[in-house]
């Protein structure tokens, strides 16, 4: 073997070693493993709320995995289309069969993630390919609609109070009602003060009065 081929072989080996070292550094910095251990679970929702592959999975607020895939399936039993989410769960994370799963959001408009609330202590835990029925999240549009209705109701109540409608409205707008109520309170206060100073009056009060 001539010197040129030996040199090329050495350069090739050196490049391969460099690539291997770079590969290990990248994966160690990114906390990435080549073989992902753990088990998979499936959750089904009527409304998936925009969650997608790669979304975190949290149990009791702690990260335990991520969403692998999401797809639509047809529920033959209920005759409707639902969303099925597959998630990879780390091996040491135990999820009770009666745990509650939903889709949550970091902040009002933040990242979507799968939230799991622990179930009953001592219950059986999920195994590979177990299926959970999720609790559907409330769409942001629904929350906005409810807030708008509440705002309209408050405006309506305030308008009625301004017009003097209802008992509270009359109290706020009619001086007669206000003065009568004020006089009643003053009389009650005077009676209480007199009773404190002369408690014998209550004790000496004739029967039947």
C-alpha atoms as a PDB file:
ATOM      1  CA  UNK A   1       0.000   0.000   0.000  1.00  0.00           C
ATOM      2  CA  UNK A   2       1.496   3.307  -1.071  1.00  0.00           C
ATOM      3  CA  UNK A   3       1.790   6.331   1.173  1.00  0.00           C
ATOM      4  CA  UNK A   4      -1.132   8.163  -0.498  1.00  0.00           C
ATOM      5  CA  UNK A   5      -3.634   5.420   0.312  1.00  0.00           C
ATOM      6  CA  UNK A   6      -2.343   5.150   3.890  1.00  0.00           C
ATOM      7  CA  UNK A   7      -2.759   8.888   4.319  1.00  0.00           C
ATOM      8  CA  UNK A   8      -6.295   8.806   2.904  1.00  0.00           C
ATOM      9  CA  UNK A   9      -7.212   5.925   5.246  1.00  0.00           C
ATOM     10  CA  UNK A  10      -5.914   7.814   8.266  1.00  0.00           C
ATOM     11  CA  UNK A  11      -7.838  10.939   7.257  1.00  0.00           C
ATOM     12  CA  UNK A  12     -11.024   8.893   6.797  1.00  0.00           C
ATOM     13  CA  UNK A  13     -10.657   7.284  10.240  1.00  0.00           C
ATOM     14  CA  UNK A  14      -9.988  10.682  11.798  1.00  0.00           C
ATOM     15  CA  UNK A  15     -13.128  12.153  10.168  1.00  0.00           C
ATOM     16  CA  UNK A  16     -15.263   9.226  11.352  1.00  0.00           C
ATOM     17  CA  UNK A  17     -13.990   9.626  14.924  1.00  0.00           C
ATOM     18  CA  UNK A  18     -14.707  13.376  14.757  1.00  0.00           C
ATOM     19  CA  UNK A  19     -18.257  12.784  13.487  1.00  0.00           C
ATOM     20  CA  UNK A  20     -18.885  10.220  16.244  1.00  0.00           C
ATOM     21  CA  UNK A  21     -17.663  12.628  18.935  1.00  0.00           C
ATOM     22  CA  UNK A  22     -19.799  15.471  17.522  1.00  0.00           C
ATOM     23  CA  UNK A  23     -22.808  13.160  17.387  1.00  0.00           C
ATOM     24  CA  UNK A  24     -22.403  12.218  21.055  1.00  0.00           C
ATOM     25  CA  UNK A  25     -21.973  15.861  22.113  1.00  0.00           C
ATOM     26  CA  UNK A  26     -25.112  16.991  20.282  1.00  0.00           C
ATOM     27  CA  UNK A  27     -27.256  14.234  21.764  1.00  0.00           C
ATOM     28  CA  UNK A  28     -25.912  14.719  25.286  1.00  0.00           C
ATOM     29  CA  UNK A  29     -26.513  18.505  25.169  1.00  0.00           C
ATOM     30  CA  UNK A  30     -30.034  18.021  23.862  1.00  0.00           C
ATOM     31  CA  UNK A  31     -30.794  15.328  26.429  1.00  0.00           C
ATOM     32  CA  UNK A  32     -31.763  13.007  23.582  1.00  0.00           C
ATOM     33  CA  UNK A  33     -31.548   9.236  23.701  1.00  0.00           C
ATOM     34  CA  UNK A  34     -31.441   6.928  20.735  1.00  0.00           C
ATOM     35  CA  UNK A  35     -33.656   4.322  22.349  1.00  0.00           C
ATOM     36  CA  UNK A  36     -36.734   5.754  24.057  1.00  0.00           C
ATOM     37  CA  UNK A  37     -37.844   3.461  26.840  1.00  0.00           C
ATOM     38  CA  UNK A  38     -41.263   3.492  28.435  1.00  0.00           C
ATOM     39  CA  UNK A  39     -44.782   2.579  27.393  1.00  0.00           C
ATOM     40  CA  UNK A  40     -47.583   4.066  25.310  1.00  0.00           C
ATOM     41  CA  UNK A  41     -51.095   5.072  26.307  1.00  0.00           C
ATOM     42  CA  UNK A  42     -54.015   6.282  24.214  1.00  0.00           C
ATOM     43  CA  UNK A  43     -56.443   9.044  25.156  1.00  0.00           C
ATOM     44  CA  UNK A  44     -59.599   9.935  23.255  1.00  0.00           C
ATOM     45  CA  UNK A  45     -61.335  13.325  23.146  1.00  0.00           C
ATOM     46  CA  UNK A  46     -64.342  14.804  21.406  1.00  0.00           C
ATOM     47  CA  UNK A  47     -62.305  18.005  21.010  1.00  0.00           C
ATOM     48  CA  UNK A  48     -58.493  17.971  20.802  1.00  0.00           C
ATOM     49  CA  UNK A  49     -58.051  21.745  21.344  1.00  0.00           C
ATOM     50  CA  UNK A  50     -55.153  22.054  18.881  1.00  0.00           C
ATOM     51  CA  UNK A  51     -52.668  19.775  20.650  1.00  0.00           C
ATOM     52  CA  UNK A  52     -50.078  18.140  18.399  1.00  0.00           C
ATOM     53  CA  UNK A  53     -47.156  15.696  18.301  1.00  0.00           C
ATOM     54  CA  UNK A  54     -44.301  16.621  20.619  1.00  0.00           C
ATOM     55  CA  UNK A  55     -46.573  18.225  23.207  1.00  0.00           C
ATOM     56  CA  UNK A  56     -45.524  17.493  26.812  1.00  0.00           C
ATOM     57  CA  UNK A  57     -47.372  15.067  29.076  1.00  0.00           C
ATOM     58  CA  UNK A  58     -47.558  15.953  32.770  1.00  0.00           C
ATOM     59  CA  UNK A  59     -48.632  13.898  35.748  1.00  0.00           C
ATOM     60  CA  UNK A  60     -49.415  15.925  38.888  1.00  0.00           C
ATOM     61  CA  UNK A  61     -47.635  18.842  37.200  1.00  0.00           C
ATOM     62  CA  UNK A  62     -44.431  16.890  36.476  1.00  0.00           C
ATOM     63  CA  UNK A  63     -43.253  16.039  32.952  1.00  0.00           C
ATOM     64  CA  UNK A  64     -43.409  12.291  32.270  1.00  0.00           C
ATOM     65  CA  UNK A  65     -43.435  12.026  28.478  1.00  0.00           C
ATOM     66  CA  UNK A  66     -44.692  13.504  25.247  1.00  0.00           C
ATOM     67  CA  UNK A  67     -47.378  13.104  22.616  1.00  0.00           C
ATOM     68  CA  UNK A  68     -46.276  10.754  19.835  1.00  0.00           C
ATOM     69  CA  UNK A  69     -49.161  11.080  17.404  1.00  0.00           C
ATOM     70  CA  UNK A  70     -52.724  12.275  17.015  1.00  0.00           C
ATOM     71  CA  UNK A  71     -55.344  11.123  14.557  1.00  0.00           C
ATOM     72  CA  UNK A  72     -59.089  11.093  13.943  1.00  0.00           C
ATOM     73  CA  UNK A  73     -61.011   7.849  14.354  1.00  0.00           C
ATOM     74  CA  UNK A  74     -64.677   6.997  13.950  1.00  0.00           C
ATOM     75  CA  UNK A  75     -66.413   5.779  17.091  1.00  0.00           C
ATOM     76  CA  UNK A  76     -68.753   3.041  15.862  1.00  0.00           C
ATOM     77  CA  UNK A  77     -70.460   2.776  19.254  1.00  0.00           C
ATOM     78  CA  UNK A  78     -71.522   6.428  19.434  1.00  0.00           C
ATOM     79  CA  UNK A  79     -71.534   7.062  15.661  1.00  0.00           C
ATOM     80  CA  UNK A  80     -69.225  10.073  15.724  1.00  0.00           C
ATOM     81  CA  UNK A  81     -65.665  11.133  14.933  1.00  0.00           C
ATOM     82  CA  UNK A  82     -63.270  11.569  17.853  1.00  0.00           C
ATOM     83  CA  UNK A  83     -59.604  12.473  18.325  1.00  0.00           C
ATOM     84  CA  UNK A  84     -57.183   9.797  19.480  1.00  0.00           C
ATOM     85  CA  UNK A  85     -53.881  10.849  21.042  1.00  0.00           C
ATOM     86  CA  UNK A  86     -50.980   8.472  21.564  1.00  0.00           C
ATOM     87  CA  UNK A  87     -48.440   9.419  24.215  1.00  0.00           C
ATOM     88  CA  UNK A  88     -45.148   7.870  25.286  1.00  0.00           C
ATOM     89  CA  UNK A  89     -44.803   7.684  29.073  1.00  0.00           C
ATOM     90  CA  UNK A  90     -41.506   7.149  30.848  1.00  0.00           C
ATOM     91  CA  UNK A  91     -41.126   3.724  32.399  1.00  0.00           C
ATOM     92  CA  UNK A  92     -41.066   4.784  36.060  1.00  0.00           C
ATOM     93  CA  UNK A  93     -44.251   6.896  35.817  1.00  0.00           C
ATOM     94  CA  UNK A  94     -47.264   5.017  37.165  1.00  0.00           C
ATOM     95  CA  UNK A  95     -50.735   6.253  36.167  1.00  0.00           C
ATOM     96  CA  UNK A  96     -53.818   4.984  37.977  1.00  0.00           C
ATOM     97  CA  UNK A  97     -56.671   3.635  35.844  1.00  0.00           C
ATOM     98  CA  UNK A  98     -59.103   6.177  37.336  1.00  0.00           C
ATOM     99  CA  UNK A  99     -56.776   9.123  36.693  1.00  0.00           C
ATOM    100  CA  UNK A 100     -58.286  12.151  34.951  1.00  0.00           C
ATOM    101  CA  UNK A 101     -56.719  13.355  31.715  1.00  0.00           C
ATOM    102  CA  UNK A 102     -57.417  16.606  29.901  1.00  0.00           C
ATOM    103  CA  UNK A 103     -55.766  19.068  27.528  1.00  0.00           C
ATOM    104  CA  UNK A 104     -54.418  22.126  29.294  1.00  0.00           C
ATOM    105  CA  UNK A 105     -52.688  25.328  28.245  1.00  0.00           C
ATOM    106  CA  UNK A 106     -49.638  27.108  29.634  1.00  0.00           C
ATOM    107  CA  UNK A 107     -51.217  30.495  30.240  1.00  0.00           C
ATOM    108  CA  UNK A 108     -54.256  31.695  28.325  1.00  0.00           C
ATOM    109  CA  UNK A 109     -52.785  31.294  24.842  1.00  0.00           C
ATOM    110  CA  UNK A 110     -49.647  29.257  25.558  1.00  0.00           C
ATOM    111  CA  UNK A 111     -48.459  25.765  24.623  1.00  0.00           C
ATOM    112  CA  UNK A 112     -50.963  22.912  24.701  1.00  0.00           C
ATOM    113  CA  UNK A 113     -50.062  19.864  26.766  1.00  0.00           C
ATOM    114  CA  UNK A 114     -51.627  16.676  28.120  1.00  0.00           C
ATOM    115  CA  UNK A 115     -52.462  17.074  31.818  1.00  0.00           C
ATOM    116  CA  UNK A 116     -53.025  13.961  33.959  1.00  0.00           C
ATOM    117  CA  UNK A 117     -54.400  14.208  37.484  1.00  0.00           C
ATOM    118  CA  UNK A 118     -53.505  11.221  39.688  1.00  0.00           C
ATOM    119  CA  UNK A 119     -56.262   8.748  40.508  1.00  0.00           C
ATOM    120  CA  UNK A 120     -57.113   6.859  43.676  1.00  0.00           C
ATOM    121  CA  UNK A 121     -54.210   5.584  45.739  1.00  0.00           C
ATOM    122  CA  UNK A 122     -53.815   1.824  45.414  1.00  0.00           C
ATOM    123  CA  UNK A 123     -55.701   1.576  42.117  1.00  0.00           C
ATOM    124  CA  UNK A 124     -54.379  -0.517  39.247  1.00  0.00           C
ATOM    125  CA  UNK A 125     -52.023   1.302  36.909  1.00  0.00           C
ATOM    126  CA  UNK A 126     -52.070   1.645  33.144  1.00  0.00           C
ATOM    127  CA  UNK A 127     -50.105  -0.738  30.973  1.00  0.00           C
ATOM    128  CA  UNK A 128     -48.849  -0.670  27.381  1.00  0.00           C
ATOM    129  CA  UNK A 129     -51.530   0.558  24.934  1.00  0.00           C
ATOM    130  CA  UNK A 130     -54.058   1.306  27.685  1.00  0.00           C
ATOM    131  CA  UNK A 131     -56.899   3.629  26.660  1.00  0.00           C
ATOM    132  CA  UNK A 132     -58.163   6.597  28.694  1.00  0.00           C
ATOM    133  CA  UNK A 133     -61.258   8.674  27.991  1.00  0.00           C
ATOM    134  CA  UNK A 134     -60.225  12.301  28.306  1.00  0.00           C
ATOM    135  CA  UNK A 135     -62.169  15.177  29.785  1.00  0.00           C
ATOM    136  CA  UNK A 136     -62.814  17.610  26.938  1.00  0.00           C
ATOM    137  CA  UNK A 137     -61.234  21.048  27.412  1.00  0.00           C
ATOM    138  CA  UNK A 138     -63.377  24.175  27.194  1.00  0.00           C
ATOM    139  CA  UNK A 139     -62.680  26.037  23.920  1.00  0.00           C
ATOM    140  CA  UNK A 140     -61.353  29.575  24.267  1.00  0.00           C
ATOM    141  CA  UNK A 141     -64.229  30.737  22.062  1.00  0.00           C
ATOM    142  CA  UNK A 142     -66.716  29.337  24.597  1.00  0.00           C
ATOM    143  CA  UNK A 143     -65.010  31.153  27.466  1.00  0.00           C
ATOM    144  CA  UNK A 144     -65.067  34.401  25.492  1.00  0.00           C
ATOM    145  CA  UNK A 145     -68.754  33.899  24.684  1.00  0.00           C
ATOM    146  CA  UNK A 146     -69.602  33.305  28.361  1.00  0.00           C
ATOM    147  CA  UNK A 147     -67.658  36.409  29.399  1.00  0.00           C
ATOM    148  CA  UNK A 148     -69.549  38.455  26.808  1.00  0.00           C
ATOM    149  CA  UNK A 149     -72.883  37.185  28.139  1.00  0.00           C
ATOM    150  CA  UNK A 150     -71.842  37.967  31.708  1.00  0.00           C
ATOM    151  CA  UNK A 151     -70.814  41.470  30.656  1.00  0.00           C
ATOM    152  CA  UNK A 152     -74.183  42.024  28.961  1.00  0.00           C
ATOM    153  CA  UNK A 153     -76.003  40.823  32.096  1.00  0.00           C
ATOM    154  CA  UNK A 154     -74.027  43.217  34.315  1.00  0.00           C
ATOM    155  CA  UNK A 155     -74.783  46.135  31.984  1.00  0.00           C
ATOM    156  CA  UNK A 156     -78.493  45.214  32.039  1.00  0.00           C
ATOM    157  CA  UNK A 157     -78.566  45.098  35.865  1.00  0.00           C
ATOM    158  CA  UNK A 158     -76.797  48.440  36.141  1.00  0.00           C
ATOM    159  CA  UNK A 159     -79.266  50.029  33.714  1.00  0.00           C
ATOM    160  CA  UNK A 160     -82.202  48.725  35.769  1.00  0.00           C
ATOM    161  CA  UNK A 161     -80.655  50.129  38.951  1.00  0.00           C
ATOM    162  CA  UNK A 162     -80.209  53.509  37.289  1.00  0.00           C
ATOM    163  CA  UNK A 163     -83.897  53.500  36.291  1.00  0.00           C
ATOM    164  CA  UNK A 164     -84.943  52.644  39.842  1.00  0.00           C
ATOM    165  CA  UNK A 165     -86.340  49.217  38.981  1.00  0.00           C
ATOM    166  CA  UNK A 166     -86.506  46.584  41.701  1.00  0.00           C
ATOM    167  CA  UNK A 167     -86.063  46.952  45.452  1.00  0.00           C
ATOM    168  CA  UNK A 168     -82.398  47.901  45.281  1.00  0.00           C
ATOM    169  CA  UNK A 169     -83.076  50.325  42.456  1.00  0.00           C
ATOM    170  CA  UNK A 170     -85.822  52.093  44.448  1.00  0.00           C
ATOM    171  CA  UNK A 171     -83.531  52.259  47.465  1.00  0.00           C
ATOM    172  CA  UNK A 172     -80.887  53.966  45.379  1.00  0.00           C
ATOM    173  CA  UNK A 173     -83.207  56.383  43.580  1.00  0.00           C
ATOM    174  CA  UNK A 174     -86.160  57.178  45.885  1.00  0.00           C
ATOM    175  CA  UNK A 175     -85.446  59.427  48.853  1.00  0.00           C
ATOM    176  CA  UNK A 176     -88.586  58.278  50.701  1.00  0.00           C
ATOM    177  CA  UNK A 177     -87.489  54.629  50.836  1.00  0.00           C
ATOM    178  CA  UNK A 178     -84.003  55.659  51.870  1.00  0.00           C
ATOM    179  CA  UNK A 179     -85.262  57.993  54.618  1.00  0.00           C
ATOM    180  CA  UNK A 180     -87.682  55.362  55.988  1.00  0.00           C
ATOM    181  CA  UNK A 181     -84.935  52.789  56.134  1.00  0.00           C
ATOM    182  CA  UNK A 182     -82.586  55.273  57.789  1.00  0.00           C
ATOM    183  CA  UNK A 183     -85.229  56.200  60.417  1.00  0.00           C
ATOM    184  CA  UNK A 184     -85.867  52.530  61.178  1.00  0.00           C
ATOM    185  CA  UNK A 185     -82.163  51.891  61.709  1.00  0.00           C
ATOM    186  CA  UNK A 186     -81.854  54.930  63.964  1.00  0.00           C
ATOM    187  CA  UNK A 187     -84.828  53.788  66.070  1.00  0.00           C
ATOM    188  CA  UNK A 188     -83.356  50.317  66.392  1.00  0.00           C
ATOM    189  CA  UNK A 189     -80.007  51.795  67.404  1.00  0.00           C
ATOM    190  CA  UNK A 190     -81.681  54.024  70.045  1.00  0.00           C
ATOM    191  CA  UNK A 191     -83.625  51.057  71.423  1.00  0.00           C
ATOM    192  CA  UNK A 192     -80.405  48.996  71.665  1.00  0.00           C
ATOM    193  CA  UNK A 193     -78.584  51.780  73.509  1.00  0.00           C
ATOM    194  CA  UNK A 194     -81.519  52.253  75.922  1.00  0.00           C
ATOM    195  CA  UNK A 195     -81.652  48.508  76.564  1.00  0.00           C
ATOM    196  CA  UNK A 196     -77.959  48.467  77.421  1.00  0.00           C
ATOM    197  CA  UNK A 197     -78.415  51.299  79.937  1.00  0.00           C
ATOM    198  CA  UNK A 198     -81.702  50.033  81.455  1.00  0.00           C
ATOM    199  CA  UNK A 199     -81.941  46.245  81.012  1.00  0.00           C
ATOM    200  CA  UNK A 200     -84.520  46.088  83.811  1.00  0.00           C
ATOM    201  CA  UNK A 201     -87.129  47.553  81.425  1.00  0.00           C
ATOM    202  CA  UNK A 202     -87.166  44.349  79.389  1.00  0.00           C
ATOM    203  CA  UNK A 203     -87.391  42.178  82.515  1.00  0.00           C
ATOM    204  CA  UNK A 204     -90.240  44.226  84.038  1.00  0.00           C
ATOM    205  CA  UNK A 205     -92.302  44.267  80.875  1.00  0.00           C
ATOM    206  CA  UNK A 206     -95.824  42.859  81.589  1.00  0.00           C
ATOM    207  CA  UNK A 207     -96.729  39.553  79.980  1.00  0.00           C
ATOM    208  CA  UNK A 208     -98.819  39.699  76.864  1.00  0.00           C
ATOM    209  CA  UNK A 209     -97.466  43.030  75.732  1.00  0.00           C
END
